[in-house]
Amino acid sequence: MYVLFQDMLTQFMFSSIKSMVSTQLALQLARKFEKLGIDGLPVEDVYPSILDRYSEDILTVAGNYEKFKKKPDVARGAPPVAGTLCYLATFLAIAKTLLGRFRLQNYTKLN
């Protein structure tokens, strides 16, 4: 009975984390499962899939940057230099958000 419950909980954990919309939400959910402290729940097996999703996010941002860096979308009536600076500031904010997710708090879990 306990083994069946543990298997169902493990399947629920993996499916819930896989269905999360963002990497940040998936990471928060993994931390919540970890805080439950249930013996035999393989929470550490979830972190590599979250890291894969995180690398996909970074590649998407890098691809969008490369796509629009020569001719960025600027607001109508904005000078070209101001539009480019606004564009770069937006990408810098996105990159900082992405990089801030896996700082020191997750370094030990991912090694």
Protein backbone atom coordinates (compact mmCIF):
# COMPACT_ATOMS: atom_id res chain seq x y z
CA MET A 1 0.00 0.00 0.00
CA TYR A 2 2.78 2.43 0.96
CA VAL A 3 4.75 1.54 -2.18
CA LEU A 4 1.72 2.25 -4.34
CA PHE A 5 1.24 5.63 -2.66
CA GLN A 6 4.92 6.46 -3.11
CA ASP A 7 4.79 5.53 -6.81
CA MET A 8 1.68 7.64 -7.33
CA LEU A 9 3.26 10.57 -5.50
CA THR A 10 6.42 10.24 -7.60
CA GLN A 11 4.38 10.21 -10.83
CA PHE A 12 2.40 13.20 -9.60
CA MET A 13 5.59 15.10 -8.79
CA PHE A 14 7.18 14.44 -12.18
CA SER A 15 4.02 15.26 -14.14
CA SER A 16 3.35 18.41 -12.11
CA ILE A 17 6.85 19.75 -12.59
CA LYS A 18 6.82 18.86 -16.28
CA SER A 19 3.56 20.73 -16.80
CA MET A 20 4.79 23.96 -15.18
CA VAL A 21 4.74 26.94 -17.50
CA SER A 22 8.05 28.42 -16.44
CA THR A 23 11.36 27.22 -15.08
CA GLN A 24 10.95 29.36 -11.98
CA LEU A 25 7.60 27.76 -11.10
CA ALA A 26 9.02 24.28 -11.68
CA LEU A 27 11.93 25.07 -9.39
CA GLN A 28 9.62 26.40 -6.67
CA LEU A 29 7.47 23.27 -6.88
CA ALA A 30 10.54 21.04 -6.64
CA ARG A 31 11.58 22.91 -3.50
CA LYS A 32 8.11 22.38 -2.01
CA PHE A 33 8.31 18.64 -2.70
CA GLU A 34 11.75 18.63 -1.13
CA LYS A 35 10.44 20.37 2.00
CA LEU A 36 7.91 17.58 2.45
CA GLY A 37 10.81 15.35 3.49
CA ILE A 38 9.22 12.10 2.32
CA ASP A 39 11.72 9.25 2.34
CA GLY A 40 12.10 7.59 -1.04
CA LEU A 41 10.69 10.53 -3.02
CA PRO A 42 13.30 11.13 -5.75
CA VAL A 43 13.21 14.93 -5.74
CA GLU A 44 16.87 15.10 -6.78
CA ASP A 45 15.95 13.34 -10.05
CA VAL A 46 13.77 16.31 -11.02
CA TYR A 47 16.55 18.91 -11.01
CA PRO A 48 18.26 17.72 -14.23
CA SER A 49 15.00 18.13 -16.16
CA ILE A 50 14.56 21.61 -14.68
CA LEU A 51 18.12 22.42 -15.72
CA ASP A 52 17.34 21.24 -19.26
CA ARG A 53 14.34 23.54 -19.36
CA TYR A 54 16.51 26.36 -18.02
CA SER A 55 19.07 25.84 -20.80
CA GLU A 56 16.24 25.92 -23.36
CA ASP A 57 15.11 29.26 -21.89
CA ILE A 58 18.62 30.67 -22.24
CA LEU A 59 18.91 29.42 -25.83
CA THR A 60 15.55 31.00 -26.67
CA VAL A 61 16.63 34.37 -25.26
CA ALA A 62 19.97 34.14 -27.08
CA GLY A 63 18.20 33.27 -30.33
CA ASN A 64 15.82 36.20 -29.98
CA TYR A 65 18.72 38.52 -29.24
CA GLU A 66 20.62 37.38 -32.33
CA LYS A 67 17.47 37.65 -34.44
CA PHE A 68 16.68 41.25 -33.51
CA LYS A 69 20.06 42.77 -32.65
CA LYS A 70 20.69 44.28 -36.11
CA LYS A 71 17.26 45.86 -36.38
CA PRO A 72 15.48 45.87 -33.01
CA ASP A 73 11.83 46.69 -32.59
CA VAL A 74 11.63 50.28 -31.40
CA ALA A 75 8.68 52.34 -30.31
CA ARG A 76 7.12 54.57 -32.93
CA GLY A 77 8.70 58.00 -32.88
CA ALA A 78 11.65 56.93 -30.73
CA PRO A 79 15.15 57.82 -31.94
CA PRO A 80 17.09 54.79 -33.18
CA VAL A 81 19.75 54.97 -30.47
CA ALA A 82 17.18 55.27 -27.67
CA GLY A 83 15.21 52.36 -29.13
CA THR A 84 18.31 50.20 -29.31
CA LEU A 85 19.25 51.02 -25.73
CA CYS A 86 15.75 50.19 -24.54
CA TYR A 87 15.92 46.91 -26.47
CA LEU A 88 19.26 46.00 -24.88
CA ALA A 89 18.03 46.94 -21.39
CA THR A 90 15.07 44.61 -21.84
CA PHE A 91 17.30 41.70 -22.82
CA LEU A 92 19.67 42.45 -19.95
CA ALA A 93 16.75 42.30 -17.50
CA ILE A 94 15.60 38.97 -18.96
CA ALA A 95 19.12 37.54 -18.77
CA LYS A 96 19.55 38.67 -15.15
CA THR A 97 16.23 37.06 -14.25
CA LEU A 98 17.23 33.79 -15.88
CA LEU A 99 20.68 33.74 -14.32
CA GLY A 100 19.38 34.68 -10.89
CA ARG A 101 17.28 31.53 -10.63
CA PHE A 102 20.12 29.08 -10.21
CA ARG A 103 22.44 30.97 -7.92
CA LEU A 104 24.02 29.57 -4.77
CA GLN A 105 20.85 28.05 -3.37
CA ASN A 106 20.78 25.39 -6.09
CA TYR A 107 24.49 24.95 -6.67
CA THR A 108 24.75 22.01 -4.30
CA LYS A 109 21.69 20.27 -5.70
CA LEU A 110 22.90 20.38 -9.30
CA ASN A 111 26.41 19.04 -8.62
